PDB file of all heavy atoms in Angstrom:
ATOM      1  N   LYS A   1       0.828  -1.210   0.000  1.00  0.00           N
ATOM      2  CA  LYS A   1       0.000   0.000   0.000  1.00  0.00           C
ATOM      3  C   LYS A   1       0.866   1.266   0.000  1.00  0.00           C
ATOM      4  O   LYS A   1       0.594   2.201  -0.749  1.00  0.00           O
ATOM      5  CB  LYS A   1      -0.925  -0.008   1.217  1.00  0.00           C
ATOM      6  CG  LYS A   1      -1.734   1.258   1.388  1.00  0.00           C
ATOM      7  CD  LYS A   1      -2.550   1.211   2.654  1.00  0.00           C
ATOM      8  CE  LYS A   1      -3.147   2.569   2.958  1.00  0.00           C
ATOM      9  NZ  LYS A   1      -3.780   2.615   4.278  1.00  0.00           N
ATOM     10  N   VAL A   2       1.896   1.311   0.844  1.00  0.00           N
ATOM     11  CA  VAL A   2       2.689   2.542   1.005  1.00  0.00           C
ATOM     12  C   VAL A   2       4.034   2.485   0.279  1.00  0.00           C
ATOM     13  O   VAL A   2       4.750   3.480   0.237  1.00  0.00           O
ATOM     14  CB  VAL A   2       2.911   2.883   2.492  1.00  0.00           C
ATOM     15  CG1 VAL A   2       1.578   3.076   3.207  1.00  0.00           C
ATOM     16  CG2 VAL A   2       3.767   1.843   3.191  1.00  0.00           C
ATOM     17  N   GLY A   3       4.368   1.359  -0.283  1.00  0.00           N
ATOM     18  CA  GLY A   3       5.695   1.133  -0.835  1.00  0.00           C
ATOM     19  C   GLY A   3       6.035   1.848  -2.116  1.00  0.00           C
ATOM     20  O   GLY A   3       7.155   1.698  -2.631  1.00  0.00           O
ATOM     21  N   PHE A   4       5.111   2.646  -2.641  1.00  0.00           N
ATOM     22  CA  PHE A   4       5.395   3.432  -3.837  1.00  0.00           C
ATOM     23  C   PHE A   4       5.153   4.920  -3.603  1.00  0.00           C
ATOM     24  O   PHE A   4       5.331   5.726  -4.511  1.00  0.00           O
ATOM     25  CB  PHE A   4       4.542   2.935  -5.014  1.00  0.00           C
ATOM     26  CG  PHE A   4       4.865   1.519  -5.396  1.00  0.00           C
ATOM     27  CD1 PHE A   4       4.116   0.465  -4.890  1.00  0.00           C
ATOM     28  CD2 PHE A   4       5.943   1.233  -6.216  1.00  0.00           C
ATOM     29  CE1 PHE A   4       4.418  -0.851  -5.220  1.00  0.00           C
ATOM     30  CE2 PHE A   4       6.260  -0.078  -6.553  1.00  0.00           C
ATOM     31  CZ  PHE A   4       5.495  -1.116  -6.049  1.00  0.00           C
ATOM     32  N   SER A   5       4.767   5.269  -2.372  1.00  0.00           N
ATOM     33  CA  SER A   5       4.452   6.674  -2.088  1.00  0.00           C
ATOM     34  C   SER A   5       5.193   7.229  -0.869  1.00  0.00           C
ATOM     35  O   SER A   5       5.442   8.433  -0.809  1.00  0.00           O
ATOM     36  CB  SER A   5       2.946   6.835  -1.886  1.00  0.00           C
ATOM     37  OG  SER A   5       2.489   6.022  -0.820  1.00  0.00           O
ATOM     38  N   ALA A   6       5.550   6.401   0.079  1.00  0.00           N
ATOM     39  CA  ALA A   6       6.246   6.878   1.281  1.00  0.00           C
ATOM     40  C   ALA A   6       7.702   7.210   0.944  1.00  0.00           C
ATOM     41  O   ALA A   6       8.271   6.685  -0.020  1.00  0.00           O
ATOM     42  CB  ALA A   6       6.196   5.811   2.374  1.00  0.00           C
ATOM     43  N   ASP A   7       8.291   8.096   1.731  1.00  0.00           N
ATOM     44  CA  ASP A   7       9.702   8.437   1.548  1.00  0.00           C
ATOM     45  C   ASP A   7      10.615   7.370   2.135  1.00  0.00           C
ATOM     46  O   ASP A   7      11.760   7.233   1.707  1.00  0.00           O
ATOM     47  CB  ASP A   7      10.011   9.785   2.195  1.00  0.00           C
ATOM     48  CG  ASP A   7       9.313  10.932   1.483  1.00  0.00           C
ATOM     49  OD1 ASP A   7       9.201  10.891   0.246  1.00  0.00           O
ATOM     50  OD2 ASP A   7       8.863  11.867   2.175  1.00  0.00           O
ATOM     51  N   GLY A   8      10.119   6.648   3.119  1.00  0.00           N
ATOM     52  CA  GLY A   8      10.908   5.593   3.745  1.00  0.00           C
ATOM     53  C   GLY A   8      10.038   4.771   4.661  1.00  0.00           C
ATOM     54  O   GLY A   8       9.003   5.238   5.148  1.00  0.00           O
ATOM     55  N   ILE A   9      10.462   3.534   4.894  1.00  0.00           N
ATOM     56  CA  ILE A   9       9.741   2.618   5.780  1.00  0.00           C
ATOM     57  C   ILE A   9      10.731   2.069   6.789  1.00  0.00           C
ATOM     58  O   ILE A   9      11.818   1.611   6.417  1.00  0.00           O
ATOM     59  CB  ILE A   9       9.107   1.456   4.983  1.00  0.00           C
ATOM     60  CG1 ILE A   9       8.049   1.976   4.011  1.00  0.00           C
ATOM     61  CG2 ILE A   9       8.518   0.399   5.935  1.00  0.00           C
ATOM     62  CD1 ILE A   9       7.534   0.935   3.029  1.00  0.00           C
ATOM     63  N   ILE A  10      10.356   2.123   8.053  1.00  0.00           N
ATOM     64  CA  ILE A  10      11.119   1.494   9.121  1.00  0.00           C
ATOM     65  C   ILE A  10      10.326   0.270   9.535  1.00  0.00           C
ATOM     66  O   ILE A  10       9.173   0.387   9.938  1.00  0.00           O
ATOM     67  CB  ILE A  10      11.323   2.460  10.297  1.00  0.00           C
ATOM     68  CG1 ILE A  10      12.138   3.662   9.813  1.00  0.00           C
ATOM     69  CG2 ILE A  10      12.004   1.762  11.462  1.00  0.00           C
ATOM     70  CD1 ILE A  10      12.162   4.797  10.786  1.00  0.00           C
ATOM     71  N   LEU A  11      10.944  -0.897   9.426  1.00  0.00           N
ATOM     72  CA  LEU A  11      10.224  -2.150   9.636  1.00  0.00           C
ATOM     73  C   LEU A  11      10.889  -3.000  10.705  1.00  0.00           C
ATOM     74  O   LEU A  11      12.064  -3.355  10.581  1.00  0.00           O
ATOM     75  CB  LEU A  11      10.171  -2.940   8.323  1.00  0.00           C
ATOM     76  CG  LEU A  11       9.544  -4.335   8.394  1.00  0.00           C
ATOM     77  CD1 LEU A  11       8.069  -4.259   8.780  1.00  0.00           C
ATOM     78  CD2 LEU A  11       9.706  -5.051   7.058  1.00  0.00           C
ATOM     79  N   ASN A  12      10.142  -3.290  11.749  1.00  0.00           N
ATOM     80  CA  ASN A  12      10.537  -4.304  12.718  1.00  0.00           C
ATOM     81  C   ASN A  12       9.614  -5.488  12.456  1.00  0.00           C
ATOM     82  O   ASN A  12       8.457  -5.487  12.868  1.00  0.00           O
ATOM     83  CB  ASN A  12      10.390  -3.800  14.150  1.00  0.00           C
ATOM     84  CG  ASN A  12      10.868  -4.824  15.167  1.00  0.00           C
ATOM     85  OD1 ASN A  12      10.936  -6.012  14.890  1.00  0.00           O
ATOM     86  ND2 ASN A  12      11.186  -4.351  16.353  1.00  0.00           N
ATOM     87  N   ALA A  13      10.122  -6.465  11.744  1.00  0.00           N
ATOM     88  CA  ALA A  13       9.296  -7.610  11.353  1.00  0.00           C
ATOM     89  C   ALA A  13       9.257  -8.698  12.419  1.00  0.00           C
ATOM     90  O   ALA A  13       8.652  -9.751  12.204  1.00  0.00           O
ATOM     91  CB  ALA A  13       9.808  -8.188  10.029  1.00  0.00           C
ATOM     92  N   GLY A  14       9.884  -8.458  13.561  1.00  0.00           N
ATOM     93  CA  GLY A  14       9.866  -9.451  14.628  1.00  0.00           C
ATOM     94  C   GLY A  14      10.365 -10.799  14.139  1.00  0.00           C
ATOM     95  O   GLY A  14      11.328 -10.886  13.379  1.00  0.00           O
ATOM     96  N   ALA A  15       9.700 -11.860  14.546  1.00  0.00           N
ATOM     97  CA  ALA A  15      10.112 -13.213  14.164  1.00  0.00           C
ATOM     98  C   ALA A  15       9.968 -13.455  12.666  1.00  0.00           C
ATOM     99  O   ALA A  15      10.644 -14.328  12.112  1.00  0.00           O
ATOM    100  CB  ALA A  15       9.312 -14.251  14.944  1.00  0.00           C
ATOM    101  N   TYR A  16       9.133 -12.653  11.981  1.00  0.00           N
ATOM    102  CA  TYR A  16       9.013 -12.803  10.525  1.00  0.00           C
ATOM    103  C   TYR A  16      10.334 -12.456   9.819  1.00  0.00           C
ATOM    104  O   TYR A  16      10.529 -12.842   8.672  1.00  0.00           O
ATOM    105  CB  TYR A  16       7.892 -11.925   9.977  1.00  0.00           C
ATOM    106  CG  TYR A  16       6.504 -12.394  10.354  1.00  0.00           C
ATOM    107  CD1 TYR A  16       5.584 -11.521  10.909  1.00  0.00           C
ATOM    108  CD2 TYR A  16       6.107 -13.711  10.127  1.00  0.00           C
ATOM    109  CE1 TYR A  16       4.309 -11.938  11.244  1.00  0.00           C
ATOM    110  CE2 TYR A  16       4.832 -14.137  10.460  1.00  0.00           C
ATOM    111  CZ  TYR A  16       3.938 -13.249  11.016  1.00  0.00           C
ATOM    112  OH  TYR A  16       2.675 -13.678  11.341  1.00  0.00           O
ATOM    113  N   THR A  17      11.203 -11.738  10.501  1.00  0.00           N
ATOM    114  CA  THR A  17      12.526 -11.432   9.956  1.00  0.00           C
ATOM    115  C   THR A  17      13.223 -12.694   9.480  1.00  0.00           C
ATOM    116  O   THR A  17      13.903 -12.696   8.458  1.00  0.00           O
ATOM    117  CB  THR A  17      13.390 -10.765  11.050  1.00  0.00           C
ATOM    118  OG1 THR A  17      12.777  -9.538  11.429  1.00  0.00           O
ATOM    119  CG2 THR A  17      14.813 -10.534  10.594  1.00  0.00           C
ATOM    120  N   HIS A  18      13.056 -13.768  10.228  1.00  0.00           N
ATOM    121  CA  HIS A  18      13.803 -15.004  10.006  1.00  0.00           C
ATOM    122  C   HIS A  18      13.034 -16.037   9.189  1.00  0.00           C
ATOM    123  O   HIS A  18      13.599 -17.066   8.827  1.00  0.00           O
ATOM    124  CB  HIS A  18      14.179 -15.620  11.355  1.00  0.00           C
ATOM    125  CG  HIS A  18      14.583 -14.593  12.352  1.00  0.00           C
ATOM    126  ND1 HIS A  18      15.765 -13.898  12.268  1.00  0.00           N
ATOM    127  CD2 HIS A  18      13.943 -14.107  13.444  1.00  0.00           C
ATOM    128  CE1 HIS A  18      15.849 -13.034  13.275  1.00  0.00           C
ATOM    129  NE2 HIS A  18      14.748 -13.147  13.993  1.00  0.00           N
ATOM    130  N   THR A  19      11.766 -15.752   8.888  1.00  0.00           N
ATOM    131  CA  THR A  19      10.938 -16.794   8.272  1.00  0.00           C
ATOM    132  C   THR A  19      10.142 -16.352   7.048  1.00  0.00           C
ATOM    133  O   THR A  19       9.666 -17.207   6.306  1.00  0.00           O
ATOM    134  CB  THR A  19       9.924 -17.339   9.295  1.00  0.00           C
ATOM    135  OG1 THR A  19       9.048 -16.272   9.692  1.00  0.00           O
ATOM    136  CG2 THR A  19      10.616 -17.923  10.513  1.00  0.00           C
ATOM    137  N   SER A  20       9.973 -15.045   6.840  1.00  0.00           N
ATOM    138  CA  SER A  20       8.982 -14.611   5.858  1.00  0.00           C
ATOM    139  C   SER A  20       9.566 -14.287   4.487  1.00  0.00           C
ATOM    140  O   SER A  20      10.101 -13.202   4.252  1.00  0.00           O
ATOM    141  CB  SER A  20       8.212 -13.393   6.367  1.00  0.00           C
ATOM    142  OG  SER A  20       7.239 -13.033   5.400  1.00  0.00           O
ATOM    143  N   VAL A  21       9.381 -15.220   3.590  1.00  0.00           N
ATOM    144  CA  VAL A  21       9.714 -14.970   2.193  1.00  0.00           C
ATOM    145  C   VAL A  21       8.712 -13.972   1.611  1.00  0.00           C
ATOM    146  O   VAL A  21       9.066 -13.142   0.763  1.00  0.00           O
ATOM    147  CB  VAL A  21       9.726 -16.296   1.396  1.00  0.00           C
ATOM    148  CG1 VAL A  21       9.918 -16.052  -0.090  1.00  0.00           C
ATOM    149  CG2 VAL A  21      10.813 -17.219   1.936  1.00  0.00           C
ATOM    150  N   ALA A  22       7.482 -13.998   2.083  1.00  0.00           N
ATOM    151  CA  ALA A  22       6.443 -13.087   1.586  1.00  0.00           C
ATOM    152  C   ALA A  22       6.802 -11.630   1.883  1.00  0.00           C
ATOM    153  O   ALA A  22       6.659 -10.760   1.012  1.00  0.00           O
ATOM    154  CB  ALA A  22       5.094 -13.448   2.196  1.00  0.00           C
ATOM    155  N   ILE A  23       7.268 -11.338   3.091  1.00  0.00           N
ATOM    156  CA  ILE A  23       7.666  -9.966   3.427  1.00  0.00           C
ATOM    157  C   ILE A  23       8.907  -9.577   2.629  1.00  0.00           C
ATOM    158  O   ILE A  23       9.001  -8.462   2.117  1.00  0.00           O
ATOM    159  CB  ILE A  23       7.867  -9.807   4.945  1.00  0.00           C
ATOM    160  CG1 ILE A  23       6.507  -9.927   5.656  1.00  0.00           C
ATOM    161  CG2 ILE A  23       8.529  -8.471   5.275  1.00  0.00           C
ATOM    162  CD1 ILE A  23       6.572  -9.924   7.166  1.00  0.00           C
ATOM    163  N   ARG A  24       9.846 -10.487   2.477  1.00  0.00           N
ATOM    164  CA  ARG A  24      11.033 -10.220   1.655  1.00  0.00           C
ATOM    165  C   ARG A  24      10.620  -9.872   0.224  1.00  0.00           C
ATOM    166  O   ARG A  24      11.110  -8.906  -0.359  1.00  0.00           O
ATOM    167  CB  ARG A  24      11.967 -11.427   1.666  1.00  0.00           C
ATOM    168  CG  ARG A  24      13.196 -11.240   0.796  1.00  0.00           C
ATOM    169  CD  ARG A  24      13.938 -12.557   0.596  1.00  0.00           C
ATOM    170  NE  ARG A  24      14.967 -12.415  -0.392  1.00  0.00           N
ATOM    171  CZ  ARG A  24      16.268 -12.296  -0.128  1.00  0.00           C
ATOM    172  NH1 ARG A  24      16.681 -12.295   1.122  1.00  0.00           N
ATOM    173  NH2 ARG A  24      17.139 -12.164  -1.100  1.00  0.00           N
ATOM    174  N   ASP A  25       9.722 -10.650  -0.343  1.00  0.00           N
ATOM    175  CA  ASP A  25       9.267 -10.402  -1.714  1.00  0.00           C
ATOM    176  C   ASP A  25       8.555  -9.060  -1.823  1.00  0.00           C
ATOM    177  O   ASP A  25       8.714  -8.344  -2.815  1.00  0.00           O
ATOM    178  CB  ASP A  25       8.367 -11.528  -2.195  1.00  0.00           C
ATOM    179  CG  ASP A  25       9.112 -12.824  -2.464  1.00  0.00           C
ATOM    180  OD1 ASP A  25      10.365 -12.819  -2.481  1.00  0.00           O
ATOM    181  OD2 ASP A  25       8.428 -13.856  -2.644  1.00  0.00           O
ATOM    182  N   ALA A  26       7.764  -8.715  -0.815  1.00  0.00           N
ATOM    183  CA  ALA A  26       7.058  -7.428  -0.830  1.00  0.00           C
ATOM    184  C   ALA A  26       8.053  -6.271  -0.801  1.00  0.00           C
ATOM    185  O   ALA A  26       7.894  -5.290  -1.535  1.00  0.00           O
ATOM    186  CB  ALA A  26       6.090  -7.340   0.350  1.00  0.00           C
ATOM    187  N   ILE A  27       9.082  -6.375   0.031  1.00  0.00           N
ATOM    188  CA  ILE A  27      10.108  -5.329   0.092  1.00  0.00           C
ATOM    189  C   ILE A  27      10.827  -5.225  -1.254  1.00  0.00           C
ATOM    190  O   ILE A  27      11.085  -4.129  -1.755  1.00  0.00           O
ATOM    191  CB  ILE A  27      11.101  -5.598   1.234  1.00  0.00           C
ATOM    192  CG1 ILE A  27      10.403  -5.496   2.589  1.00  0.00           C
ATOM    193  CG2 ILE A  27      12.285  -4.624   1.167  1.00  0.00           C
ATOM    194  CD1 ILE A  27      11.213  -6.026   3.752  1.00  0.00           C
ATOM    195  N   SER A  28      11.124  -6.362  -1.859  1.00  0.00           N
ATOM    196  CA  SER A  28      11.810  -6.374  -3.155  1.00  0.00           C
ATOM    197  C   SER A  28      10.976  -5.738  -4.259  1.00  0.00           C
ATOM    198  O   SER A  28      11.526  -5.191  -5.219  1.00  0.00           O
ATOM    199  CB  SER A  28      12.148  -7.812  -3.560  1.00  0.00           C
ATOM    200  OG  SER A  28      13.095  -8.360  -2.687  1.00  0.00           O
ATOM    201  N   ALA A  29       9.665  -5.805  -4.129  1.00  0.00           N
ATOM    202  CA  ALA A  29       8.770  -5.347  -5.185  1.00  0.00           C
ATOM    203  C   ALA A  29       8.431  -3.856  -5.106  1.00  0.00           C
ATOM    204  O   ALA A  29       7.867  -3.314  -6.052  1.00  0.00           O
ATOM    205  CB  ALA A  29       7.480  -6.163  -5.155  1.00  0.00           C
ATOM    206  N   ILE A  30       8.759  -3.194  -3.997  1.00  0.00           N
ATOM    207  CA  ILE A  30       8.391  -1.787  -3.834  1.00  0.00           C
ATOM    208  C   ILE A  30       9.593  -0.884  -4.118  1.00  0.00           C
ATOM    209  O   ILE A  30      10.732  -1.342  -4.139  1.00  0.00           O
ATOM    210  CB  ILE A  30       7.799  -1.511  -2.435  1.00  0.00           C
ATOM    211  CG1 ILE A  30       8.813  -1.811  -1.330  1.00  0.00           C
ATOM    212  CG2 ILE A  30       6.502  -2.299  -2.244  1.00  0.00           C
ATOM    213  CD1 ILE A  30       8.332  -1.491   0.079  1.00  0.00           C
ATOM    214  N   THR A  31       9.308   0.395  -4.320  1.00  0.00           N
ATOM    215  CA  THR A  31      10.382   1.351  -4.608  1.00  0.00           C
ATOM    216  C   THR A  31      10.823   2.140  -3.381  1.00  0.00           C
ATOM    217  O   THR A  31      11.907   2.721  -3.388  1.00  0.00           O
ATOM    218  CB  THR A  31       9.942   2.329  -5.708  1.00  0.00           C
ATOM    219  OG1 THR A  31       8.739   2.994  -5.299  1.00  0.00           O
ATOM    220  CG2 THR A  31       9.711   1.590  -7.023  1.00  0.00           C
ATOM    221  N   THR A  32      10.005   2.189  -2.354  1.00  0.00           N
ATOM    222  CA  THR A  32      10.363   2.916  -1.137  1.00  0.00           C
ATOM    223  C   THR A  32      11.457   2.160  -0.389  1.00  0.00           C
ATOM    224  O   THR A  32      11.333   0.950  -0.173  1.00  0.00           O
ATOM    225  CB  THR A  32       9.132   3.067  -0.221  1.00  0.00           C
ATOM    226  OG1 THR A  32       8.131   3.822  -0.914  1.00  0.00           O
ATOM    227  CG2 THR A  32       9.476   3.767   1.079  1.00  0.00           C
TER     228      THR A  32
END
């Protein structure tokens, strides 16, 4: 939602840091 309009994103993904391919893919797909 915000990955093409925000100036920056600060993300604490908690335990998803170590397990989430979906969050990794979402970060890879956005320009922010």
